[in-house]
Full PDB file with SEQRES, HELIX, SHEET, SSBOND, CRYST1, ORIGX, SCALE, CONECT and MASTER records, all heavy atoms in Angstrom:
SEQRES   1 A   42  PRO GLY LYS ALA GLU LYS LEU ASN ILE ASN MET TRP SER          
SEQRES   2 A   42  THR ALA GLN THR PHE GLU LYS GLY HIS LYS ILE ALA VAL          
SEQRES   3 A   42  HIS VAL SER SER SER ASN PHE PRO ARG PHE ASP VAL ASN          
SEQRES   4 A   42  LYS ASN GLN                                                  
CRYST1    1.000    1.000    1.000  90.00  90.00  90.00 P 1           1          
ORIGX1      1.000000  0.000000  0.000000        0.00000                         
ORIGX2      0.000000  1.000000  0.000000        0.00000                         
ORIGX3      0.000000  0.000000  1.000000        0.00000                         
SCALE1      1.000000  0.000000  0.000000        0.00000                         
SCALE2      0.000000  1.000000  0.000000        0.00000                         
SCALE3      0.000000  0.000000  1.000000        0.00000                         
ATOM      1  N   PRO A   1       0.835  -1.209  -0.079  1.00  0.00           N  
ATOM      2  CA  PRO A   1       0.056   0.060  -0.012  1.00  0.00           C  
ATOM      3  C   PRO A   1       0.751   1.283   0.002  1.00  0.00           C  
ATOM      4  O   PRO A   1       1.772   1.398   0.781  1.00  0.00           O  
ATOM      5  CB  PRO A   1      -0.828  -0.165   1.338  1.00  0.00           C  
ATOM      6  CG  PRO A   1      -0.947  -1.603   1.431  1.00  0.00           C  
ATOM      7  CD  PRO A   1       0.380  -2.108   1.044  1.00  0.00           C  
ATOM      8  N   GLY A   2       0.565   2.155  -0.936  1.00  0.00           N  
ATOM      9  CA  GLY A   2       1.209   3.371  -0.979  1.00  0.00           C  
ATOM     10  C   GLY A   2       2.536   3.412  -1.684  1.00  0.00           C  
ATOM     11  O   GLY A   2       3.079   4.512  -1.972  1.00  0.00           O  
ATOM     12  N   LYS A   3       3.048   2.353  -2.130  1.00  0.00           N  
ATOM     13  CA  LYS A   3       4.312   2.254  -2.842  1.00  0.00           C  
ATOM     14  C   LYS A   3       4.218   2.354  -4.348  1.00  0.00           C  
ATOM     15  O   LYS A   3       3.477   1.592  -4.932  1.00  0.00           O  
ATOM     16  CB  LYS A   3       5.038   0.913  -2.477  1.00  0.00           C  
ATOM     17  CG  LYS A   3       6.375   0.769  -3.178  1.00  0.00           C  
ATOM     18  CD  LYS A   3       7.101  -0.529  -2.802  1.00  0.00           C  
ATOM     19  CE  LYS A   3       8.448  -0.634  -3.587  1.00  0.00           C  
ATOM     20  NZ  LYS A   3       9.092  -1.966  -3.276  1.00  0.00           N  
ATOM     21  N   ALA A   4       4.901   3.349  -4.944  1.00  0.00           N  
ATOM     22  CA  ALA A   4       4.913   3.487  -6.398  1.00  0.00           C  
ATOM     23  C   ALA A   4       5.601   2.338  -7.115  1.00  0.00           C  
ATOM     24  O   ALA A   4       6.823   2.069  -6.747  1.00  0.00           O  
ATOM     25  CB  ALA A   4       5.309   4.832  -6.840  1.00  0.00           C  
ATOM     26  N   GLU A   5       5.039   1.718  -8.072  1.00  0.00           N  
ATOM     27  CA  GLU A   5       5.698   0.653  -8.894  1.00  0.00           C  
ATOM     28  C   GLU A   5       5.493   0.974 -10.318  1.00  0.00           C  
ATOM     29  O   GLU A   5       4.477   1.404 -10.659  1.00  0.00           O  
ATOM     30  CB  GLU A   5       5.225  -0.695  -8.471  1.00  0.00           C  
ATOM     31  CG  GLU A   5       5.585  -1.110  -7.084  1.00  0.00           C  
ATOM     32  CD  GLU A   5       5.434  -2.707  -6.860  1.00  0.00           C  
ATOM     33  OE1 GLU A   5       5.800  -3.419  -7.812  1.00  0.00           O  
ATOM     34  OE2 GLU A   5       4.807  -3.103  -5.848  1.00  0.00           O  
ATOM     35  N   LYS A   6       6.414   0.486 -11.176  1.00  0.00           N  
ATOM     36  CA  LYS A   6       6.227   0.607 -12.607  1.00  0.00           C  
ATOM     37  C   LYS A   6       5.488  -0.663 -13.105  1.00  0.00           C  
ATOM     38  O   LYS A   6       5.966  -1.759 -13.013  1.00  0.00           O  
ATOM     39  CB  LYS A   6       7.571   0.776 -13.364  1.00  0.00           C  
ATOM     40  CG  LYS A   6       7.407   0.953 -14.766  1.00  0.00           C  
ATOM     41  CD  LYS A   6       8.771   1.318 -15.513  1.00  0.00           C  
ATOM     42  CE  LYS A   6       9.703   0.266 -15.561  1.00  0.00           C  
ATOM     43  NZ  LYS A   6      10.820   0.600 -16.426  1.00  0.00           N  
ATOM     44  N   LEU A   7       4.388  -0.397 -13.729  1.00  0.00           N  
ATOM     45  CA  LEU A   7       3.514  -1.534 -14.269  1.00  0.00           C  
ATOM     46  C   LEU A   7       3.705  -1.383 -15.775  1.00  0.00           C  
ATOM     47  O   LEU A   7       3.443  -0.406 -16.424  1.00  0.00           O  
ATOM     48  CB  LEU A   7       2.065  -1.300 -13.835  1.00  0.00           C  
ATOM     49  CG  LEU A   7       1.733  -1.026 -12.426  1.00  0.00           C  
ATOM     50  CD1 LEU A   7       0.324  -0.781 -12.224  1.00  0.00           C  
ATOM     51  CD2 LEU A   7       2.214  -2.219 -11.566  1.00  0.00           C  
ATOM     52  N   ASN A   8       4.031  -2.557 -16.322  1.00  0.00           N  
ATOM     53  CA  ASN A   8       4.374  -2.625 -17.754  1.00  0.00           C  
ATOM     54  C   ASN A   8       3.158  -3.281 -18.390  1.00  0.00           C  
ATOM     55  O   ASN A   8       2.731  -4.471 -18.212  1.00  0.00           O  
ATOM     56  CB  ASN A   8       5.519  -3.500 -18.106  1.00  0.00           C  
ATOM     57  CG  ASN A   8       6.794  -2.909 -17.549  1.00  0.00           C  
ATOM     58  OD1 ASN A   8       7.191  -1.755 -18.012  1.00  0.00           O  
ATOM     59  ND2 ASN A   8       7.482  -3.523 -16.673  1.00  0.00           N  
ATOM     60  N   ILE A   9       2.364  -2.442 -19.222  1.00  0.00           N  
ATOM     61  CA  ILE A   9       1.059  -2.893 -19.816  1.00  0.00           C  
ATOM     62  C   ILE A   9       1.334  -3.219 -21.331  1.00  0.00           C  
ATOM     63  O   ILE A   9       1.656  -2.270 -22.091  1.00  0.00           O  
ATOM     64  CB  ILE A   9       0.006  -1.824 -19.573  1.00  0.00           C  
ATOM     65  CG1 ILE A   9      -0.244  -1.520 -18.099  1.00  0.00           C  
ATOM     66  CG2 ILE A   9      -1.386  -2.310 -20.254  1.00  0.00           C  
ATOM     67  CD1 ILE A   9      -1.261  -0.420 -17.837  1.00  0.00           C  
ATOM     68  N   ASN A  10       0.970  -4.332 -21.586  1.00  0.00           N  
ATOM     69  CA  ASN A  10       1.074  -4.825 -23.039  1.00  0.00           C  
ATOM     70  C   ASN A  10      -0.182  -4.291 -23.826  1.00  0.00           C  
ATOM     71  O   ASN A  10      -1.310  -4.743 -23.598  1.00  0.00           O  
ATOM     72  CB  ASN A  10       1.121  -6.394 -23.199  1.00  0.00           C  
ATOM     73  CG  ASN A  10       1.304  -6.866 -24.514  1.00  0.00           C  
ATOM     74  OD1 ASN A  10       1.191  -6.098 -25.510  1.00  0.00           O  
ATOM     75  ND2 ASN A  10       1.188  -8.184 -24.755  1.00  0.00           N  
ATOM     76  N   MET A  11       0.042  -3.322 -24.668  1.00  0.00           N  
ATOM     77  CA  MET A  11      -1.039  -2.754 -25.440  1.00  0.00           C  
ATOM     78  C   MET A  11      -1.342  -3.367 -26.741  1.00  0.00           C  
ATOM     79  O   MET A  11      -2.102  -2.887 -27.567  1.00  0.00           O  
ATOM     80  CB  MET A  11      -0.715  -1.196 -25.618  1.00  0.00           C  
ATOM     81  CG  MET A  11      -0.647  -0.384 -24.365  1.00  0.00           C  
ATOM     82  SD  MET A  11      -2.146  -0.240 -23.454  1.00  0.00           S  
ATOM     83  CE  MET A  11      -3.088   0.804 -24.508  1.00  0.00           C  
ATOM     84  N   TRP A  12      -0.562  -4.382 -27.003  1.00  0.00           N  
ATOM     85  CA  TRP A  12      -0.694  -5.161 -28.339  1.00  0.00           C  
ATOM     86  C   TRP A  12      -0.174  -4.184 -29.492  1.00  0.00           C  
ATOM     87  O   TRP A  12       0.650  -3.445 -29.287  1.00  0.00           O  
ATOM     88  CB  TRP A  12      -2.024  -5.775 -28.479  1.00  0.00           C  
ATOM     89  CG  TRP A  12      -2.298  -6.927 -27.605  1.00  0.00           C  
ATOM     90  CD1 TRP A  12      -2.156  -6.918 -26.253  1.00  0.00           C  
ATOM     91  CD2 TRP A  12      -2.833  -8.171 -27.917  1.00  0.00           C  
ATOM     92  NE1 TRP A  12      -2.535  -8.071 -25.677  1.00  0.00           N  
ATOM     93  CE2 TRP A  12      -2.955  -8.914 -26.663  1.00  0.00           C  
ATOM     94  CE3 TRP A  12      -3.200  -8.767 -29.103  1.00  0.00           C  
ATOM     95  CZ2 TRP A  12      -3.383 -10.227 -26.616  1.00  0.00           C  
ATOM     96  CZ3 TRP A  12      -3.784 -10.080 -29.075  1.00  0.00           C  
ATOM     97  CH2 TRP A  12      -3.758 -10.855 -27.808  1.00  0.00           C  
ATOM     98  N   SER A  13      -0.637  -4.452 -30.697  1.00  0.00           N  
ATOM     99  CA  SER A  13      -0.176  -3.810 -31.830  1.00  0.00           C  
ATOM    100  C   SER A  13      -1.245  -3.097 -32.576  1.00  0.00           C  
ATOM    101  O   SER A  13      -2.434  -3.343 -32.473  1.00  0.00           O  
ATOM    102  CB  SER A  13       0.462  -4.775 -32.790  1.00  0.00           C  
ATOM    103  OG  SER A  13       1.614  -5.475 -32.167  1.00  0.00           O  
ATOM    104  N   THR A  14      -0.836  -2.065 -33.398  1.00  0.00           N  
ATOM    105  CA  THR A  14      -1.810  -1.380 -34.218  1.00  0.00           C  
ATOM    106  C   THR A  14      -0.984  -0.692 -35.368  1.00  0.00           C  
ATOM    107  O   THR A  14       0.250  -0.641 -35.349  1.00  0.00           O  
ATOM    108  CB  THR A  14      -2.580  -0.336 -33.455  1.00  0.00           C  
ATOM    109  OG1 THR A  14      -3.774   0.040 -34.241  1.00  0.00           O  
ATOM    110  CG2 THR A  14      -1.709   0.849 -33.202  1.00  0.00           C  
ATOM    111  N   ALA A  15      -1.673  -0.180 -36.290  1.00  0.00           N  
ATOM    112  CA  ALA A  15      -1.194   0.753 -37.409  1.00  0.00           C  
ATOM    113  C   ALA A  15      -2.121   1.877 -37.618  1.00  0.00           C  
ATOM    114  O   ALA A  15      -3.218   1.658 -38.008  1.00  0.00           O  
ATOM    115  CB  ALA A  15      -1.011  -0.044 -38.751  1.00  0.00           C  
ATOM    116  N   GLN A  16      -1.619   2.916 -37.183  1.00  0.00           N  
ATOM    117  CA  GLN A  16      -2.602   4.133 -37.095  1.00  0.00           C  
ATOM    118  C   GLN A  16      -1.765   5.395 -37.467  1.00  0.00           C  
ATOM    119  O   GLN A  16      -0.652   5.721 -37.038  1.00  0.00           O  
ATOM    120  CB  GLN A  16      -2.928   4.324 -35.648  1.00  0.00           C  
ATOM    121  CG  GLN A  16      -3.846   5.588 -35.442  1.00  0.00           C  
ATOM    122  CD  GLN A  16      -5.249   5.572 -35.987  1.00  0.00           C  
ATOM    123  OE1 GLN A  16      -5.765   4.552 -36.100  1.00  0.00           O  
ATOM    124  NE2 GLN A  16      -5.795   6.732 -36.189  1.00  0.00           N  
ATOM    125  N   THR A  17      -2.373   6.214 -38.362  1.00  0.00           N  
ATOM    126  CA  THR A  17      -1.881   7.523 -38.705  1.00  0.00           C  
ATOM    127  C   THR A  17      -2.615   8.596 -37.918  1.00  0.00           C  
ATOM    128  O   THR A  17      -3.854   8.859 -38.143  1.00  0.00           O  
ATOM    129  CB  THR A  17      -1.910   7.885 -40.173  1.00  0.00           C  
ATOM    130  OG1 THR A  17      -1.077   6.846 -40.865  1.00  0.00           O  
ATOM    131  CG2 THR A  17      -1.502   9.231 -40.534  1.00  0.00           C  
ATOM    132  N   PHE A  18      -1.908   9.135 -36.958  1.00  0.00           N  
ATOM    133  CA  PHE A  18      -2.467  10.393 -36.260  1.00  0.00           C  
ATOM    134  C   PHE A  18      -2.266  11.506 -37.138  1.00  0.00           C  
ATOM    135  O   PHE A  18      -1.055  11.990 -37.227  1.00  0.00           O  
ATOM    136  CB  PHE A  18      -1.864  10.503 -34.899  1.00  0.00           C  
ATOM    137  CG  PHE A  18      -2.044   9.420 -33.938  1.00  0.00           C  
ATOM    138  CD1 PHE A  18      -1.215   8.345 -33.849  1.00  0.00           C  
ATOM    139  CD2 PHE A  18      -3.252   9.437 -33.074  1.00  0.00           C  
ATOM    140  CE1 PHE A  18      -1.443   7.196 -33.019  1.00  0.00           C  
ATOM    141  CE2 PHE A  18      -3.503   8.396 -32.210  1.00  0.00           C  
ATOM    142  CZ  PHE A  18      -2.617   7.262 -32.240  1.00  0.00           C  
ATOM    143  N   GLU A  19      -3.214  12.073 -37.726  1.00  0.00           N  
ATOM    144  CA  GLU A  19      -3.054  13.075 -38.797  1.00  0.00           C  
ATOM    145  C   GLU A  19      -2.851  14.468 -38.236  1.00  0.00           C  
ATOM    146  O   GLU A  19      -3.176  14.820 -37.201  1.00  0.00           O  
ATOM    147  CB  GLU A  19      -4.356  13.155 -39.710  1.00  0.00           C  
ATOM    148  CG  GLU A  19      -4.489  11.758 -40.398  1.00  0.00           C  
ATOM    149  CD  GLU A  19      -5.670  11.838 -41.407  1.00  0.00           C  
ATOM    150  OE1 GLU A  19      -5.515  12.649 -42.426  1.00  0.00           O  
ATOM    151  OE2 GLU A  19      -6.657  11.082 -41.357  1.00  0.00           O  
ATOM    152  N   LYS A  20      -2.179  15.266 -39.083  1.00  0.00           N  
ATOM    153  CA  LYS A  20      -1.969  16.635 -38.806  1.00  0.00           C  
ATOM    154  C   LYS A  20      -3.255  17.271 -38.368  1.00  0.00           C  
ATOM    155  O   LYS A  20      -4.335  17.185 -38.942  1.00  0.00           O  
ATOM    156  CB  LYS A  20      -1.408  17.293 -40.025  1.00  0.00           C  
ATOM    157  CG  LYS A  20      -1.131  18.825 -39.857  1.00  0.00           C  
ATOM    158  CD  LYS A  20      -0.600  19.454 -41.165  1.00  0.00           C  
ATOM    159  CE  LYS A  20      -0.383  20.960 -41.098  1.00  0.00           C  
ATOM    160  NZ  LYS A  20       0.124  21.593 -42.307  1.00  0.00           N  
ATOM    161  N   GLY A  21      -3.164  18.144 -37.287  1.00  0.00           N  
ATOM    162  CA  GLY A  21      -4.424  18.777 -36.789  1.00  0.00           C  
ATOM    163  C   GLY A  21      -5.004  17.952 -35.700  1.00  0.00           C  
ATOM    164  O   GLY A  21      -5.983  18.520 -34.954  1.00  0.00           O  
ATOM    165  N   HIS A  22      -4.706  16.596 -35.584  1.00  0.00           N  
ATOM    166  CA  HIS A  22      -5.290  15.834 -34.518  1.00  0.00           C  
ATOM    167  C   HIS A  22      -4.398  15.915 -33.209  1.00  0.00           C  
ATOM    168  O   HIS A  22      -3.411  16.584 -33.297  1.00  0.00           O  
ATOM    169  CB  HIS A  22      -5.325  14.343 -34.955  1.00  0.00           C  
ATOM    170  CG  HIS A  22      -6.420  14.155 -36.030  1.00  0.00           C  
ATOM    171  ND1 HIS A  22      -7.290  13.070 -35.912  1.00  0.00           N  
ATOM    172  CD2 HIS A  22      -6.773  14.833 -37.124  1.00  0.00           C  
ATOM    173  CE1 HIS A  22      -8.108  13.118 -36.955  1.00  0.00           C  
ATOM    174  NE2 HIS A  22      -7.793  14.157 -37.675  1.00  0.00           N  
ATOM    175  N   LYS A  23      -4.711  15.230 -32.250  1.00  0.00           N  
ATOM    176  CA  LYS A  23      -3.931  15.035 -30.980  1.00  0.00           C  
ATOM    177  C   LYS A  23      -3.754  13.588 -30.734  1.00  0.00           C  
ATOM    178  O   LYS A  23      -4.753  12.758 -30.951  1.00  0.00           O  
ATOM    179  CB  LYS A  23      -4.443  15.768 -29.845  1.00  0.00           C  
ATOM    180  CG  LYS A  23      -4.662  17.306 -30.031  1.00  0.00           C  
ATOM    181  CD  LYS A  23      -5.307  17.834 -28.802  1.00  0.00           C  
ATOM    182  CE  LYS A  23      -5.548  19.403 -28.905  1.00  0.00           C  
ATOM    183  NZ  LYS A  23      -6.266  19.911 -27.783  1.00  0.00           N  
ATOM    184  N   ILE A  24      -2.674  13.105 -30.103  1.00  0.00           N  
ATOM    185  CA  ILE A  24      -2.549  11.754 -29.529  1.00  0.00           C  
ATOM    186  C   ILE A  24      -2.874  11.839 -28.112  1.00  0.00           C  
ATOM    187  O   ILE A  24      -2.448  12.748 -27.387  1.00  0.00           O  
ATOM    188  CB  ILE A  24      -1.139  11.311 -29.727  1.00  0.00           C  
ATOM    189  CG1 ILE A  24      -0.723  11.205 -31.202  1.00  0.00           C  
ATOM    190  CG2 ILE A  24      -1.000   9.882 -29.153  1.00  0.00           C  
ATOM    191  CD1 ILE A  24       0.729  10.984 -31.425  1.00  0.00           C  
ATOM    192  N   ALA A  25      -3.711  10.955 -27.542  1.00  0.00           N  
ATOM    193  CA  ALA A  25      -4.186  10.983 -26.211  1.00  0.00           C  
ATOM    194  C   ALA A  25      -3.991   9.604 -25.567  1.00  0.00           C  
ATOM    195  O   ALA A  25      -4.024   8.614 -26.097  1.00  0.00           O  
ATOM    196  CB  ALA A  25      -5.641  11.489 -26.058  1.00  0.00           C  
ATOM    197  N   VAL A  26      -3.726   9.594 -24.199  1.00  0.00           N  
ATOM    198  CA  VAL A  26      -3.705   8.499 -23.418  1.00  0.00           C  
ATOM    199  C   VAL A  26      -4.697   8.762 -22.231  1.00  0.00           C  
ATOM    200  O   VAL A  26      -4.651   9.736 -21.543  1.00  0.00           O  
ATOM    201  CB  VAL A  26      -2.317   8.223 -22.757  1.00  0.00           C  
ATOM    202  CG1 VAL A  26      -2.332   7.129 -21.644  1.00  0.00           C  
ATOM    203  CG2 VAL A  26      -1.310   7.761 -23.871  1.00  0.00           C  
ATOM    204  N   HIS A  27      -5.574   7.773 -22.042  1.00  0.00           N  
ATOM    205  CA  HIS A  27      -6.600   7.886 -20.941  1.00  0.00           C  
ATOM    206  C   HIS A  27      -6.276   6.758 -19.958  1.00  0.00           C  
ATOM    207  O   HIS A  27      -6.026   5.613 -20.368  1.00  0.00           O  
ATOM    208  CB  HIS A  27      -8.043   7.660 -21.492  1.00  0.00           C  
ATOM    209  CG  HIS A  27      -8.468   8.741 -22.379  1.00  0.00           C  
ATOM    210  ND1 HIS A  27      -9.808   8.740 -23.032  1.00  0.00           N  
ATOM    211  CD2 HIS A  27      -7.851   9.864 -22.913  1.00  0.00           C  
ATOM    212  CE1 HIS A  27      -9.827   9.769 -23.778  1.00  0.00           C  
ATOM    213  NE2 HIS A  27      -8.706  10.471 -23.778  1.00  0.00           N  
ATOM    214  N   VAL A  28      -6.316   7.103 -18.667  1.00  0.00           N  
ATOM    215  CA  VAL A  28      -5.921   6.150 -17.635  1.00  0.00           C  
ATOM    216  C   VAL A  28      -7.144   6.092 -16.672  1.00  0.00           C  
ATOM    217  O   VAL A  28      -7.737   7.177 -16.249  1.00  0.00           O  
ATOM    218  CB  VAL A  28      -4.700   6.628 -16.887  1.00  0.00           C  
ATOM    219  CG1 VAL A  28      -4.356   5.605 -15.755  1.00  0.00           C  
ATOM    220  CG2 VAL A  28      -3.536   6.677 -17.812  1.00  0.00           C  
ATOM    221  N   SER A  29      -7.507   4.888 -16.278  1.00  0.00           N  
ATOM    222  CA  SER A  29      -8.646   4.701 -15.268  1.00  0.00           C  
ATOM    223  C   SER A  29      -8.253   3.424 -14.499  1.00  0.00           C  
ATOM    224  O   SER A  29      -7.236   2.820 -14.711  1.00  0.00           O  
ATOM    225  CB  SER A  29      -9.965   4.723 -15.934  1.00  0.00           C  
ATOM    226  OG  SER A  29     -10.112   3.585 -16.781  1.00  0.00           O  
ATOM    227  N   SER A  30      -9.255   2.870 -13.790  1.00  0.00           N  
ATOM    228  CA  SER A  30      -9.114   1.602 -13.138  1.00  0.00           C  
ATOM    229  C   SER A  30     -10.231   0.684 -13.396  1.00  0.00           C  
ATOM    230  O   SER A  30     -10.411  -0.374 -12.727  1.00  0.00           O  
ATOM    231  CB  SER A  30      -9.019   1.839 -11.646  1.00  0.00           C  
ATOM    232  OG  SER A  30      -7.859   2.394 -11.212  1.00  0.00           O  
ATOM    233  N   SER A  31     -11.038   0.928 -14.370  1.00  0.00           N  
ATOM    234  CA  SER A  31     -12.101   0.092 -14.781  1.00  0.00           C  
ATOM    235  C   SER A  31     -12.501   0.318 -16.273  1.00  0.00           C  
ATOM    236  O   SER A  31     -12.340   1.445 -16.783  1.00  0.00           O  
ATOM    237  CB  SER A  31     -13.235   0.237 -13.863  1.00  0.00           C  
ATOM    238  OG  SER A  31     -13.679   1.629 -13.816  1.00  0.00           O  
ATOM    239  N   ASN A  32     -13.184  -0.771 -16.871  1.00  0.00           N  
ATOM    240  CA  ASN A  32     -13.772  -0.515 -18.147  1.00  0.00           C  
ATOM    241  C   ASN A  32     -14.784  -1.715 -18.275  1.00  0.00           C  
ATOM    242  O   ASN A  32     -14.431  -2.814 -18.735  1.00  0.00           O  
ATOM    243  CB  ASN A  32     -12.575  -0.748 -19.209  1.00  0.00           C  
ATOM    244  CG  ASN A  32     -13.091  -0.553 -20.667  1.00  0.00           C  
ATOM    245  OD1 ASN A  32     -14.319  -0.497 -20.884  1.00  0.00           O  
ATOM    246  ND2 ASN A  32     -12.228  -0.510 -21.659  1.00  0.00           N  
ATOM    247  N   PHE A  33     -15.985  -1.477 -17.742  1.00  0.00           N  
ATOM    248  CA  PHE A  33     -17.003  -2.664 -17.632  1.00  0.00           C  
ATOM    249  C   PHE A  33     -18.125  -2.387 -18.567  1.00  0.00           C  
ATOM    250  O   PHE A  33     -18.625  -1.270 -18.678  1.00  0.00           O  
ATOM    251  CB  PHE A  33     -17.412  -2.578 -16.197  1.00  0.00           C  
ATOM    252  CG  PHE A  33     -18.448  -3.653 -15.771  1.00  0.00           C  
ATOM    253  CD1 PHE A  33     -17.957  -4.969 -15.656  1.00  0.00           C  
ATOM    254  CD2 PHE A  33     -19.814  -3.368 -15.794  1.00  0.00           C  
ATOM    255  CE1 PHE A  33     -18.911  -6.029 -15.364  1.00  0.00           C  
ATOM    256  CE2 PHE A  33     -20.698  -4.427 -15.539  1.00  0.00           C  
ATOM    257  CZ  PHE A  33     -20.254  -5.665 -15.378  1.00  0.00           C  
ATOM    258  N   PRO A  34     -18.536  -3.519 -19.246  1.00  0.00           N  
ATOM    259  CA  PRO A  34     -18.308  -4.854 -19.000  1.00  0.00           C  
ATOM    260  C   PRO A  34     -17.115  -5.507 -19.778  1.00  0.00           C  
ATOM    261  O   PRO A  34     -17.067  -6.686 -19.809  1.00  0.00           O  
ATOM    262  CB  PRO A  34     -19.616  -5.523 -19.339  1.00  0.00           C  
ATOM    263  CG  PRO A  34     -20.161  -4.754 -20.441  1.00  0.00           C  
ATOM    264  CD  PRO A  34     -19.685  -3.280 -20.165  1.00  0.00           C  
ATOM    265  N   ARG A  35     -16.378  -4.638 -20.643  1.00  0.00           N  
ATOM    266  CA  ARG A  35     -15.355  -5.286 -21.361  1.00  0.00           C  
ATOM    267  C   ARG A  35     -14.315  -6.065 -20.468  1.00  0.00           C  
ATOM    268  O   ARG A  35     -13.830  -7.199 -20.756  1.00  0.00           O  
ATOM    269  CB  ARG A  35     -14.556  -4.226 -22.165  1.00  0.00           C  
ATOM    270  CG  ARG A  35     -13.295  -4.749 -22.867  1.00  0.00           C  
ATOM    271  CD  ARG A  35     -13.001  -3.807 -24.026  1.00  0.00           C  
ATOM    272  NE  ARG A  35     -11.588  -3.873 -24.467  1.00  0.00           N  
ATOM    273  CZ  ARG A  35     -11.105  -4.864 -25.222  1.00  0.00           C  
ATOM    274  NH1 ARG A  35     -11.817  -5.830 -25.504  1.00  0.00           N  
ATOM    275  NH2 ARG A  35      -9.740  -4.870 -25.571  1.00  0.00           N  
ATOM    276  N   PHE A  36     -14.004  -5.458 -19.299  1.00  0.00           N  
ATOM    277  CA  PHE A  36     -13.194  -6.159 -18.353  1.00  0.00           C  
ATOM    278  C   PHE A  36     -13.769  -6.350 -17.015  1.00  0.00           C  
ATOM    279  O   PHE A  36     -14.537  -5.387 -16.528  1.00  0.00           O  
ATOM    280  CB  PHE A  36     -11.877  -5.413 -18.195  1.00  0.00           C  
ATOM    281  CG  PHE A  36     -11.103  -5.198 -19.456  1.00  0.00           C  
ATOM    282  CD1 PHE A  36     -10.881  -3.915 -20.064  1.00  0.00           C  
ATOM    283  CD2 PHE A  36     -10.550  -6.245 -20.223  1.00  0.00           C  
ATOM    284  CE1 PHE A  36     -10.159  -3.790 -21.172  1.00  0.00           C  
ATOM    285  CE2 PHE A  36      -9.894  -6.168 -21.413  1.00  0.00           C  
ATOM    286  CZ  PHE A  36      -9.708  -4.814 -21.865  1.00  0.00           C  
ATOM    287  N   ASP A  37     -13.466  -7.432 -16.342  1.00  0.00           N  
ATOM    288  CA  ASP A  37     -14.018  -7.706 -14.953  1.00  0.00           C  
ATOM    289  C   ASP A  37     -13.609  -6.524 -14.041  1.00  0.00           C  
ATOM    290  O   ASP A  37     -12.420  -6.041 -14.069  1.00  0.00           O  
ATOM    291  CB  ASP A  37     -13.414  -8.987 -14.452  1.00  0.00           C  
ATOM    292  CG  ASP A  37     -13.810  -9.281 -13.057  1.00  0.00           C  
ATOM    293  OD1 ASP A  37     -15.076  -9.201 -12.746  1.00  0.00           O  
ATOM    294  OD2 ASP A  37     -12.903  -9.637 -12.252  1.00  0.00           O  
ATOM    295  N   VAL A  38     -14.465  -6.153 -13.147  1.00  0.00           N  
ATOM    296  CA  VAL A  38     -14.168  -5.096 -12.137  1.00  0.00           C  
ATOM    297  C   VAL A  38     -13.470  -5.716 -10.919  1.00  0.00           C  
ATOM    298  O   VAL A  38     -13.865  -6.534 -10.261  1.00  0.00           O  
ATOM    299  CB  VAL A  38     -15.421  -4.407 -11.685  1.00  0.00           C  
ATOM    300  CG1 VAL A  38     -15.086  -3.247 -10.662  1.00  0.00           C  
ATOM    301  CG2 VAL A  38     -16.136  -3.748 -12.948  1.00  0.00           C  
ATOM    302  N   ASN A  39     -12.365  -5.124 -10.590  1.00  0.00           N  
ATOM    303  CA  ASN A  39     -11.564  -5.507  -9.444  1.00  0.00           C  
ATOM    304  C   ASN A  39     -12.186  -4.896  -8.123  1.00  0.00           C  
ATOM    305  O   ASN A  39     -12.472  -3.704  -8.095  1.00  0.00           O  
ATOM    306  CB  ASN A  39     -10.142  -5.052  -9.462  1.00  0.00           C  
ATOM    307  CG  ASN A  39      -9.162  -5.661  -8.519  1.00  0.00           C  
ATOM    308  OD1 ASN A  39      -9.542  -6.021  -7.373  1.00  0.00           O  
ATOM    309  ND2 ASN A  39      -7.984  -5.893  -8.898  1.00  0.00           N  
ATOM    310  N   LYS A  40     -12.453  -5.720  -7.182  1.00  0.00           N  
ATOM    311  CA  LYS A  40     -13.112  -5.285  -5.867  1.00  0.00           C  
ATOM    312  C   LYS A  40     -12.153  -4.767  -4.959  1.00  0.00           C  
ATOM    313  O   LYS A  40     -12.533  -4.336  -3.801  1.00  0.00           O  
ATOM    314  CB  LYS A  40     -13.934  -6.400  -5.300  1.00  0.00           C  
ATOM    315  CG  LYS A  40     -15.084  -6.850  -6.158  1.00  0.00           C  
ATOM    316  CD  LYS A  40     -15.924  -7.979  -5.585  1.00  0.00           C  
ATOM    317  CE  LYS A  40     -17.045  -8.267  -6.535  1.00  0.00           C  
ATOM    318  NZ  LYS A  40     -17.835  -9.488  -5.976  1.00  0.00           N  
ATOM    319  N   ASN A  41     -10.855  -4.749  -5.317  1.00  0.00           N  
ATOM    320  CA  ASN A  41      -9.784  -4.065  -4.525  1.00  0.00           C  
ATOM    321  C   ASN A  41      -9.543  -4.765  -3.161  1.00  0.00           C  
ATOM    322  O   ASN A  41      -8.818  -4.147  -2.262  1.00  0.00           O  
ATOM    323  CB  ASN A  41     -10.135  -2.643  -4.321  1.00  0.00           C  
ATOM    324  CG  ASN A  41     -10.344  -1.939  -5.570  1.00  0.00           C  
ATOM    325  OD1 ASN A  41      -9.562  -2.048  -6.590  1.00  0.00           O  
ATOM    326  ND2 ASN A  41     -11.216  -0.893  -5.541  1.00  0.00           N  
ATOM    327  N   GLN A  42      -9.859  -6.034  -2.997  1.00  0.00           N  
ATOM    328  CA  GLN A  42      -9.752  -6.683  -1.725  1.00  0.00           C  
ATOM    329  C   GLN A  42      -8.586  -7.739  -1.794  1.00  0.00           C  
ATOM    330  O   GLN A  42      -8.298  -8.354  -0.712  1.00  0.00           O  
ATOM    331  CB  GLN A  42     -11.069  -7.413  -1.313  1.00  0.00           C  
ATOM    332  CG  GLN A  42     -12.193  -6.466  -0.928  1.00  0.00           C  
ATOM    333  CD  GLN A  42     -12.105  -5.887   0.394  1.00  0.00           C  
ATOM    334  OE1 GLN A  42     -10.987  -5.885   0.998  1.00  0.00           O  
ATOM    335  NE2 GLN A  42     -13.183  -5.465   0.886  1.00  0.00           N  
TER     336      GLN A  42                                                      
MASTER        0    0    0    0    0    0    0    6  335    1    0    4          
END                                                                             
């Protein structure tokens, strides 16, 4: 609890052109339901 650790997340692969005038974004959260099971944190 409370200790910062580096988590390596495998994002798999893609081929994407982020075009001029666009932005690249990263969104971070702790859930995405129902695509992924929800952790009850216990």
